[in-house]
Amino acid sequence: MFEKELVCPKCNKNYKLNSWLDDNCGYRLRIKYDKESRKNSVSKDKIKSKPISHWKYKNFFPVKDDKNIISIGEGGTSLVKSNRISEDFGLNQLYFKLELTNPSGSFKDRPISVGASVGKEQNTKVLSAASSGNAAASLASFGAKAGINTVVFVPNRSSQSKVSQLITLGATVVRVSPRENQEGDPSVQLFQESVKKWGWTPCPSFGPFNPFQFEGTKSLGFEIVEQLDWVVPDWIICNTGSGGLLSGTYEGFKDWHELHWIEKLPRMVAVQPEACAPVVKAFHDRVKPLEFEAWQGFPETVAGGLADPHPWDGDSALEALYESKGNAMTVNDHQILEYQRILASKEGIFAEPSGVAALAGLKLLIDEGTIDKNDLVVVPITGHGLKDPQVLQDRYSEAIVSPPDINVLETKLKGKNKKLF
């Protein structure tokens, strides 16, 4: 609402708000806001007077007119205090932010809602993205709500269940097979060529392709502050793929810190699967944000949603990690699957593998003494377990099969779990 122009962090060139595709440096353009006007138009008391919801923070998003807002009920997710896991970890203040309860099942509804709304405001005819996962499902949902055509490019290996979901939501889905010896993601490359040729609006969850959607993730930070009665967490532990969740959430805290609504900033932590950890590597190598390098090879991990060899928002994530005096670490597939089970069986929260890597990382931080038992810690649980049920099928035993005979059932139950009696 108070945005003025865009600026490239590499070449420092300024762009009009509707000409972001003219930049060729490959980084997310930063939005320059009229912060003085915003400061005079918003107040902490006004924010506090309204119930928590994503669009109550519209003054911090780049959408000028309310009539262009596309919403499917995103945001306003619960922040729940851990009971059993916090006891196991020895933490007094561990909270889970349940982003898996967003309408499309992941936190991506926050950024995509803003990106799609700006697209509507700029009279887009087609919204497009390269993704087979949460971002694609979110974009297809918002396109359906607004009646805007949506085209999604997916790798040819994408599961039929994910493709079927996108088609059911009304999206046009293009499977892209790689050329021999082709470098990079072919679905991203064809997506970029299509956007350039036909003038479609790019709306993936990658900041360099759309600087507006990034701003929507800020509401995650806003909500956490309000739900903790305006107390800022000591640590935010983030599942990290492209880096947008971590950097966007931190940006929200920074907005309110600049307004003196909060007294401090949280320390941010990036957790990535060890099979694909470019942000973690860059952090420990102390790489400058604008000198970020892609991960080599094609990663295989149960946390497919975090397997981004080229983390498009990695520069912003590194900035947030350095500035907040944060940390970064890897976890393996066994740890991810184990904490998926623990979160479900001890807290009743069923998340996909990509949504729980941060919890495994938190345990490592505690074990090494980085996090104190009295620290206030928030872990966003970013995606629903029903997003990726396939990984569980070979991991757990089948259900008990019994005839309608109570004695047979008793025998089978005792063999399965004696705690039932």
Protein backbone atom coordinates (compact mmCIF):
# COMPACT_ATOMS: atom_id res chain seq x y z
CA MET A 1 0.00 0.00 0.00
CA PHE A 2 2.94 2.34 0.67
CA GLU A 3 5.32 0.91 -1.90
CA LYS A 4 7.14 3.38 -4.16
CA GLU A 5 9.54 1.52 -6.43
CA LEU A 6 11.82 -1.50 -6.75
CA VAL A 7 15.60 -1.62 -6.44
CA CYS A 8 18.08 -4.31 -7.46
CA PRO A 9 20.39 -5.27 -4.56
CA LYS A 10 23.25 -6.00 -6.97
CA CYS A 11 23.32 -3.15 -9.48
CA ASN A 12 21.24 -0.67 -7.40
CA LYS A 13 19.10 0.20 -10.41
CA ASN A 14 15.55 1.37 -9.66
CA TYR A 15 12.47 0.02 -11.42
CA LYS A 16 8.81 0.95 -11.55
CA LEU A 17 6.48 -1.40 -9.69
CA ASN A 18 5.12 -2.93 -12.90
CA SER A 19 8.49 -3.45 -14.63
CA TRP A 20 10.28 -5.91 -12.36
CA LEU A 21 10.85 -8.35 -15.22
CA ASP A 22 13.27 -5.88 -16.82
CA ASP A 23 16.03 -6.71 -14.31
CA ASN A 24 18.52 -9.37 -15.38
CA CYS A 25 20.79 -9.62 -12.33
CA GLY A 26 19.01 -12.69 -10.98
CA TYR A 27 18.19 -11.45 -7.47
CA ARG A 28 14.94 -10.51 -5.78
CA LEU A 29 14.23 -6.84 -6.26
CA ARG A 30 13.67 -5.07 -2.96
CA ILE A 31 10.52 -3.01 -2.51
CA LYS A 32 11.15 0.55 -1.35
CA TYR A 33 8.31 1.68 0.88
CA ASP A 34 7.33 5.16 1.96
CA LYS A 35 8.03 4.26 5.56
CA GLU A 36 7.24 7.70 6.93
CA SER A 37 3.74 7.66 5.44
CA ARG A 38 3.18 4.13 6.68
CA LYS A 39 4.37 5.11 10.16
CA ASN A 40 1.80 7.92 10.22
CA SER A 41 -1.02 5.70 8.95
CA VAL A 42 -0.69 2.56 11.05
CA SER A 43 -0.50 2.07 14.78
CA LYS A 44 0.13 -0.75 17.19
CA ASP A 45 -3.23 -0.09 18.86
CA LYS A 46 -5.10 -0.43 15.54
CA ILE A 47 -3.35 -3.70 14.83
CA LYS A 48 -4.11 -5.04 18.31
CA SER A 49 -7.80 -4.10 18.03
CA LYS A 50 -8.45 -6.51 15.16
CA PRO A 51 -8.56 -10.32 15.29
CA ILE A 52 -5.51 -12.06 13.90
CA SER A 53 -5.67 -12.71 10.17
CA HIS A 54 -3.28 -12.48 7.24
CA TRP A 55 -4.86 -9.46 5.56
CA LYS A 56 -5.18 -7.35 8.71
CA TYR A 57 -1.53 -6.57 7.95
CA LYS A 58 -2.31 -5.27 4.45
CA ASN A 59 -0.49 -1.99 5.16
CA PHE A 60 2.73 -4.01 5.08
CA PHE A 61 1.91 -5.65 1.74
CA PRO A 62 2.26 -4.18 -1.78
CA VAL A 63 -1.45 -4.26 -2.71
CA LYS A 64 -2.96 -0.83 -3.26
CA ASP A 65 -6.69 -1.51 -3.52
CA ASP A 66 -8.68 -3.86 -1.28
CA LYS A 67 -10.86 -4.92 -4.21
CA ASN A 68 -7.86 -6.74 -5.69
CA ILE A 69 -7.23 -8.89 -2.63
CA ILE A 70 -7.58 -12.60 -3.35
CA SER A 71 -8.12 -14.63 -0.21
CA ILE A 72 -9.03 -18.24 0.51
CA GLY A 73 -8.84 -17.80 4.30
CA GLU A 74 -5.07 -18.00 4.64
CA GLY A 75 -3.20 -17.06 7.79
CA GLY A 76 -4.43 -16.80 11.35
CA THR A 77 -2.94 -20.21 12.10
CA SER A 78 -2.66 -21.48 15.66
CA LEU A 79 0.43 -21.14 17.81
CA VAL A 80 0.35 -24.07 20.22
CA LYS A 81 2.59 -24.72 23.19
CA SER A 82 4.34 -28.07 23.18
CA ASN A 83 3.75 -30.37 26.12
CA ARG A 84 5.41 -33.72 25.60
CA ILE A 85 8.19 -32.84 23.18
CA SER A 86 9.19 -29.79 25.21
CA GLU A 87 9.53 -32.06 28.23
CA ASP A 88 11.67 -34.51 26.24
CA PHE A 89 13.83 -31.63 24.98
CA GLY A 90 14.11 -29.97 28.38
CA LEU A 91 12.59 -26.72 27.11
CA ASN A 92 10.16 -24.59 29.09
CA GLN A 93 8.87 -22.51 26.17
CA LEU A 94 8.55 -24.43 22.90
CA TYR A 95 5.78 -23.46 20.48
CA PHE A 96 4.63 -24.83 17.14
CA LYS A 97 3.14 -22.49 14.52
CA LEU A 98 0.67 -24.68 12.61
CA GLU A 99 1.17 -23.50 9.04
CA LEU A 100 -0.07 -26.87 7.80
CA THR A 101 -3.61 -25.66 8.57
CA ASN A 102 -3.57 -23.05 5.80
CA PRO A 103 -6.25 -23.75 3.14
CA SER A 104 -3.92 -25.44 0.64
CA GLY A 105 -2.02 -27.20 3.42
CA SER A 106 1.17 -25.15 3.67
CA PHE A 107 2.65 -21.76 4.54
CA LYS A 108 2.92 -20.97 0.83
CA ASP A 109 -0.59 -19.51 0.96
CA ARG A 110 0.86 -16.43 2.65
CA PRO A 111 3.28 -15.34 -0.10
CA ILE A 112 1.17 -16.61 -2.99
CA SER A 113 -1.89 -14.68 -1.76
CA VAL A 114 0.05 -11.43 -2.09
CA GLY A 115 1.72 -12.32 -5.38
CA ALA A 116 -1.59 -13.34 -6.95
CA SER A 117 -3.34 -10.23 -5.63
CA VAL A 118 -0.69 -7.96 -7.14
CA GLY A 119 -1.09 -9.90 -10.38
CA LYS A 120 -4.81 -9.18 -10.35
CA GLU A 121 -4.09 -5.52 -9.62
CA GLN A 122 -1.81 -5.40 -12.65
CA ASN A 123 -4.54 -7.00 -14.82
CA THR A 124 -2.81 -10.30 -15.40
CA LYS A 125 -4.46 -12.84 -17.68
CA VAL A 126 -2.34 -15.81 -16.62
CA LEU A 127 -0.53 -16.69 -13.39
CA SER A 128 2.33 -19.14 -13.80
CA ALA A 129 4.85 -21.04 -11.70
CA ALA A 130 7.38 -23.85 -11.86
CA SER A 131 6.66 -26.24 -9.00
CA SER A 132 5.04 -29.59 -8.36
CA GLY A 133 4.64 -29.08 -4.64
CA ASN A 134 3.13 -26.66 -2.17
CA ALA A 135 3.63 -23.47 -4.18
CA ALA A 136 1.86 -24.96 -7.20
CA ALA A 137 -1.10 -26.15 -5.14
CA SER A 138 -1.36 -22.74 -3.53
CA LEU A 139 -1.18 -20.83 -6.80
CA ALA A 140 -3.79 -23.09 -8.42
CA SER A 141 -6.08 -22.46 -5.44
CA PHE A 142 -5.79 -18.68 -5.66
CA GLY A 143 -6.18 -18.76 -9.43
CA ALA A 144 -9.38 -20.77 -9.02
CA LYS A 145 -10.71 -18.33 -6.41
CA ALA A 146 -10.08 -15.31 -8.64
CA GLY A 147 -11.03 -16.94 -11.94
CA ILE A 148 -7.55 -16.31 -13.34
CA ASN A 149 -5.96 -18.86 -15.66
CA THR A 150 -3.06 -20.72 -14.05
CA VAL A 151 -0.26 -22.60 -15.81
CA VAL A 152 2.08 -24.78 -13.76
CA PHE A 153 5.29 -26.37 -15.06
CA VAL A 154 6.34 -29.55 -13.25
CA PRO A 155 9.23 -32.00 -13.66
CA ASN A 156 8.22 -35.02 -15.69
CA ARG A 157 8.92 -37.27 -12.68
CA SER A 158 6.28 -35.53 -10.54
CA SER A 159 3.80 -37.89 -8.92
CA GLN A 160 0.42 -38.30 -10.57
CA SER A 161 -1.33 -37.53 -7.27
CA LYS A 162 0.21 -34.05 -7.15
CA VAL A 163 -0.52 -33.43 -10.82
CA SER A 164 -4.11 -34.58 -10.39
CA GLN A 165 -4.59 -32.15 -7.51
CA LEU A 166 -3.43 -29.25 -9.69
CA ILE A 167 -5.68 -30.27 -12.57
CA THR A 168 -8.65 -30.62 -10.21
CA LEU A 169 -8.01 -27.05 -9.06
CA GLY A 170 -8.32 -25.94 -12.67
CA ALA A 171 -4.65 -25.38 -13.50
CA THR A 172 -3.11 -26.20 -16.85
CA VAL A 173 -0.22 -28.53 -16.02
CA VAL A 174 2.82 -29.01 -18.25
CA ARG A 175 5.17 -31.92 -17.54
CA VAL A 176 8.69 -31.03 -18.69
CA SER A 177 11.23 -33.71 -19.54
CA PRO A 178 14.93 -32.76 -19.44
CA ARG A 179 17.15 -32.66 -22.48
CA GLU A 180 20.26 -34.80 -22.45
CA ASN A 181 23.13 -33.15 -20.53
CA GLN A 182 20.91 -30.21 -19.66
CA GLU A 183 21.95 -28.21 -16.60
CA GLY A 184 19.42 -26.75 -14.21
CA ASP A 185 15.74 -27.48 -13.77
CA PRO A 186 14.08 -27.79 -17.20
CA SER A 187 10.66 -26.93 -15.79
CA VAL A 188 12.02 -23.62 -14.44
CA GLN A 189 13.70 -22.86 -17.76
CA LEU A 190 10.55 -23.48 -19.82
CA PHE A 191 8.52 -21.48 -17.29
CA GLN A 192 10.89 -18.52 -17.70
CA GLU A 193 10.75 -18.70 -21.50
CA SER A 194 6.94 -18.85 -21.46
CA VAL A 195 6.63 -15.86 -19.15
CA LYS A 196 8.94 -13.85 -21.40
CA LYS A 197 7.23 -14.85 -24.66
CA TRP A 198 3.58 -14.55 -23.65
CA GLY A 199 3.70 -11.94 -20.90
CA TRP A 200 2.30 -14.17 -18.19
CA THR A 201 2.70 -13.11 -14.57
CA PRO A 202 5.30 -15.26 -12.80
CA CYS A 203 4.12 -16.19 -9.33
CA PRO A 204 6.30 -18.97 -7.95
CA SER A 205 7.63 -18.92 -4.41
CA PHE A 206 10.98 -17.63 -5.73
CA GLY A 207 11.72 -13.99 -4.96
CA PRO A 208 13.78 -13.23 -8.10
CA PHE A 209 10.79 -14.03 -10.32
CA ASN A 210 8.27 -12.00 -8.33
CA PRO A 211 9.34 -9.52 -5.63
CA PHE A 212 5.81 -9.05 -4.31
CA GLN A 213 4.90 -12.52 -3.09
CA PHE A 214 7.93 -12.48 -0.74
CA GLU A 215 6.21 -9.79 1.33
CA GLY A 216 3.31 -12.07 2.23
CA THR A 217 5.45 -14.30 4.42
CA LYS A 218 5.97 -11.38 6.81
CA SER A 219 2.56 -12.05 8.35
CA LEU A 220 3.97 -15.23 9.89
CA GLY A 221 6.26 -13.10 12.04
CA PHE A 222 3.50 -10.59 12.81
CA GLU A 223 1.15 -13.31 14.03
CA ILE A 224 3.78 -14.95 16.23
CA VAL A 225 4.40 -11.64 18.03
CA GLU A 226 0.71 -11.03 18.63
CA GLN A 227 0.02 -14.60 19.73
CA LEU A 228 2.84 -14.35 22.28
CA ASP A 229 1.33 -11.13 23.64
CA TRP A 230 3.98 -9.00 21.95
CA VAL A 231 6.91 -10.99 23.27
CA VAL A 232 9.56 -11.76 20.63
CA PRO A 233 10.90 -15.34 20.54
CA ASP A 234 14.58 -15.92 21.19
CA TRP A 235 14.75 -18.38 18.30
CA ILE A 236 12.78 -19.15 15.13
CA ILE A 237 13.79 -22.54 13.69
CA CYS A 238 12.92 -22.79 9.98
CA ASN A 239 12.63 -25.60 7.47
CA THR A 240 14.70 -24.18 4.63
CA GLY A 241 14.63 -24.88 0.92
CA SER A 242 14.80 -21.76 -1.24
CA GLY A 243 15.09 -19.54 1.84
CA GLY A 244 11.86 -17.57 1.46
CA LEU A 245 10.25 -18.74 4.71
CA LEU A 246 13.20 -17.75 6.87
CA SER A 247 13.96 -14.43 5.21
CA GLY A 248 10.32 -13.39 4.77
CA THR A 249 9.45 -14.13 8.39
CA TYR A 250 12.50 -12.20 9.59
CA GLU A 251 11.52 -9.26 7.39
CA GLY A 252 8.23 -9.06 9.26
CA PHE A 253 10.01 -8.79 12.59
CA LYS A 254 12.26 -6.08 11.13
CA ASP A 255 9.26 -4.04 9.96
CA TRP A 256 7.84 -3.92 13.46
CA HIS A 257 11.23 -3.36 15.08
CA GLU A 258 11.75 -0.29 12.88
CA LEU A 259 8.40 1.03 14.13
CA HIS A 260 9.53 0.37 17.73
CA TRP A 261 6.57 -1.97 18.25
CA ILE A 262 8.92 -4.72 19.44
CA GLU A 263 12.13 -4.38 21.42
CA LYS A 264 14.35 -6.98 19.78
CA LEU A 265 14.72 -9.35 16.83
CA PRO A 266 14.75 -13.15 17.03
CA ARG A 267 17.71 -15.29 16.09
CA MET A 268 16.95 -17.26 12.95
CA VAL A 269 18.01 -20.84 12.22
CA ALA A 270 18.01 -22.60 8.84
CA VAL A 271 17.64 -26.39 8.79
CA GLN A 272 18.18 -28.27 5.52
CA PRO A 273 18.42 -31.95 4.51
CA GLU A 274 22.05 -32.98 4.25
CA ALA A 275 21.45 -34.14 0.67
CA CYS A 276 20.76 -30.53 -0.37
CA ALA A 277 22.10 -27.84 1.94
CA PRO A 278 23.36 -24.83 -0.04
CA VAL A 279 22.22 -22.28 2.56
CA VAL A 280 23.90 -24.19 5.40
CA LYS A 281 27.13 -24.55 3.44
CA ALA A 282 27.19 -20.88 2.47
CA PHE A 283 26.51 -19.83 6.07
CA HIS A 284 29.37 -21.85 7.53
CA ASP A 285 31.69 -20.82 4.70
CA ARG A 286 30.73 -17.18 5.46
CA VAL A 287 29.84 -16.55 1.84
CA LYS A 288 28.69 -13.04 0.99
CA PRO A 289 24.94 -13.05 0.20
CA LEU A 290 25.38 -11.89 -3.40
CA GLU A 291 28.08 -14.49 -4.04
CA PHE A 292 25.82 -17.45 -3.34
CA GLU A 293 26.50 -20.66 -5.28
CA ALA A 294 24.09 -23.44 -6.21
CA TRP A 295 24.28 -26.96 -4.79
CA GLN A 296 25.90 -29.43 -7.15
CA GLY A 297 24.05 -32.53 -8.35
CA PHE A 298 20.45 -33.73 -8.19
CA PRO A 299 19.54 -34.32 -4.53
CA GLU A 300 17.48 -37.26 -3.31
CA THR A 301 15.78 -36.77 0.05
CA VAL A 302 12.49 -37.59 1.75
CA ALA A 303 12.10 -33.84 2.28
CA GLY A 304 11.58 -33.13 -1.40
CA GLY A 305 10.04 -29.73 -0.71
CA LEU A 306 13.38 -28.57 0.70
CA ALA A 307 15.52 -29.92 -2.13
CA ASP A 308 16.28 -26.64 -3.90
CA PRO A 309 19.78 -26.88 -5.44
CA HIS A 310 19.51 -23.20 -6.36
CA PRO A 311 17.85 -21.47 -3.39
CA TRP A 312 16.49 -18.43 -5.14
CA ASP A 313 16.07 -16.50 -1.90
CA GLY A 314 19.36 -17.75 -0.47
CA ASP A 315 20.91 -14.29 -0.49
CA SER A 316 18.07 -12.94 1.66
CA ALA A 317 18.27 -15.97 3.95
CA LEU A 318 22.00 -15.44 4.47
CA GLU A 319 21.42 -11.77 5.25
CA ALA A 320 18.87 -12.75 7.91
CA LEU A 321 21.14 -15.41 9.41
CA TYR A 322 24.13 -13.10 9.62
CA GLU A 323 22.18 -10.10 10.89
CA SER A 324 20.30 -12.05 13.56
CA LYS A 325 23.41 -13.93 14.73
CA GLY A 326 21.60 -17.10 13.82
CA ASN A 327 22.69 -20.60 12.92
CA ALA A 328 22.32 -23.25 10.21
CA MET A 329 22.56 -27.03 10.21
CA THR A 330 21.74 -30.18 8.30
CA VAL A 331 19.72 -33.23 9.29
CA ASN A 332 19.55 -36.61 7.55
CA ASP A 333 16.52 -38.43 6.23
CA HIS A 334 16.39 -40.80 9.19
CA GLN A 335 16.20 -37.87 11.61
CA ILE A 336 13.52 -36.16 9.53
CA LEU A 337 11.30 -39.25 9.41
CA GLU A 338 11.85 -39.95 13.10
CA TYR A 339 10.71 -36.47 14.09
CA GLN A 340 7.77 -36.70 11.73
CA ARG A 341 6.70 -39.73 13.80
CA ILE A 342 7.50 -38.06 17.13
CA LEU A 343 5.57 -34.88 16.31
CA ALA A 344 2.54 -36.91 15.26
CA SER A 345 2.58 -39.43 18.11
CA LYS A 346 3.41 -36.98 20.92
CA GLU A 347 1.70 -33.75 19.87
CA GLY A 348 -1.00 -34.95 17.45
CA ILE A 349 0.43 -32.91 14.56
CA PHE A 350 0.76 -34.81 11.28
CA ALA A 351 3.24 -33.00 9.03
CA GLU A 352 5.03 -33.85 5.82
CA PRO A 353 8.81 -34.56 6.02
CA SER A 354 9.62 -31.12 4.61
CA GLY A 355 7.55 -29.60 7.40
CA VAL A 356 9.45 -31.15 10.32
CA ALA A 357 13.16 -30.94 9.46
CA ALA A 358 13.41 -27.90 11.73
CA LEU A 359 12.32 -29.95 14.73
CA ALA A 360 15.18 -32.39 14.17
CA GLY A 361 17.53 -29.42 13.88
CA LEU A 362 16.24 -27.97 17.13
CA LYS A 363 17.21 -31.16 18.96
CA LEU A 364 20.77 -30.82 17.66
CA LEU A 365 20.97 -27.22 18.87
CA ILE A 366 19.82 -28.25 22.32
CA ASP A 367 22.27 -31.15 22.48
CA GLU A 368 25.19 -28.88 21.63
CA GLY A 369 24.16 -26.33 24.24
CA THR A 370 23.30 -23.51 21.85
CA ILE A 371 19.72 -23.16 23.09
CA ASP A 372 19.01 -22.73 26.80
CA LYS A 373 16.12 -24.45 28.55
CA ASN A 374 14.48 -21.09 29.29
CA ASP A 375 14.75 -19.73 25.73
CA LEU A 376 11.48 -19.04 23.93
CA VAL A 377 11.54 -21.11 20.73
CA VAL A 378 9.06 -21.20 17.83
CA VAL A 379 9.09 -23.87 15.12
CA PRO A 380 6.79 -23.30 12.11
CA ILE A 381 5.31 -26.63 10.97
CA THR A 382 5.05 -25.75 7.32
CA GLY A 383 3.24 -28.53 5.44
CA HIS A 384 0.53 -31.13 6.10
CA GLY A 385 1.34 -34.84 6.28
CA LEU A 386 -1.33 -35.65 3.72
CA LYS A 387 0.80 -33.77 1.19
CA ASP A 388 3.28 -36.65 1.01
CA PRO A 389 1.82 -39.89 2.45
CA GLN A 390 3.87 -42.12 0.16
CA VAL A 391 6.99 -41.92 2.35
CA LEU A 392 5.14 -43.56 5.23
CA GLN A 393 3.84 -46.64 3.44
CA ASP A 394 7.02 -48.68 3.72
CA ARG A 395 8.02 -47.35 7.12
CA TYR A 396 5.29 -48.58 9.42
CA SER A 397 3.67 -51.97 9.92
CA GLU A 398 0.19 -52.75 8.69
CA ALA A 399 -2.89 -52.38 10.85
CA ILE A 400 -4.16 -55.31 12.88
CA VAL A 401 -6.53 -57.56 10.96
CA SER A 402 -9.04 -59.42 13.12
CA PRO A 403 -12.24 -61.39 12.63
CA PRO A 404 -15.27 -60.29 14.67
CA ASP A 405 -14.07 -62.36 17.65
CA ILE A 406 -13.18 -60.58 20.90
CA ASN A 407 -10.80 -63.32 22.06
CA VAL A 408 -8.84 -63.30 18.82
CA LEU A 409 -8.75 -59.51 18.99
CA GLU A 410 -7.40 -59.62 22.56
CA THR A 411 -4.57 -61.93 21.53
CA LYS A 412 -3.63 -59.74 18.60
CA LEU A 413 -3.79 -56.53 20.64
CA LYS A 414 -1.57 -57.93 23.37
CA GLY A 415 0.96 -58.92 20.75
CA LYS A 416 0.88 -55.40 19.35
CA ASN A 417 0.70 -53.16 22.42
CA LYS A 418 0.46 -54.47 25.99
CA LYS A 419 -0.09 -50.94 27.28
CA LEU A 420 -3.69 -51.18 26.10
CA PHE A 421 -4.56 -53.43 29.05
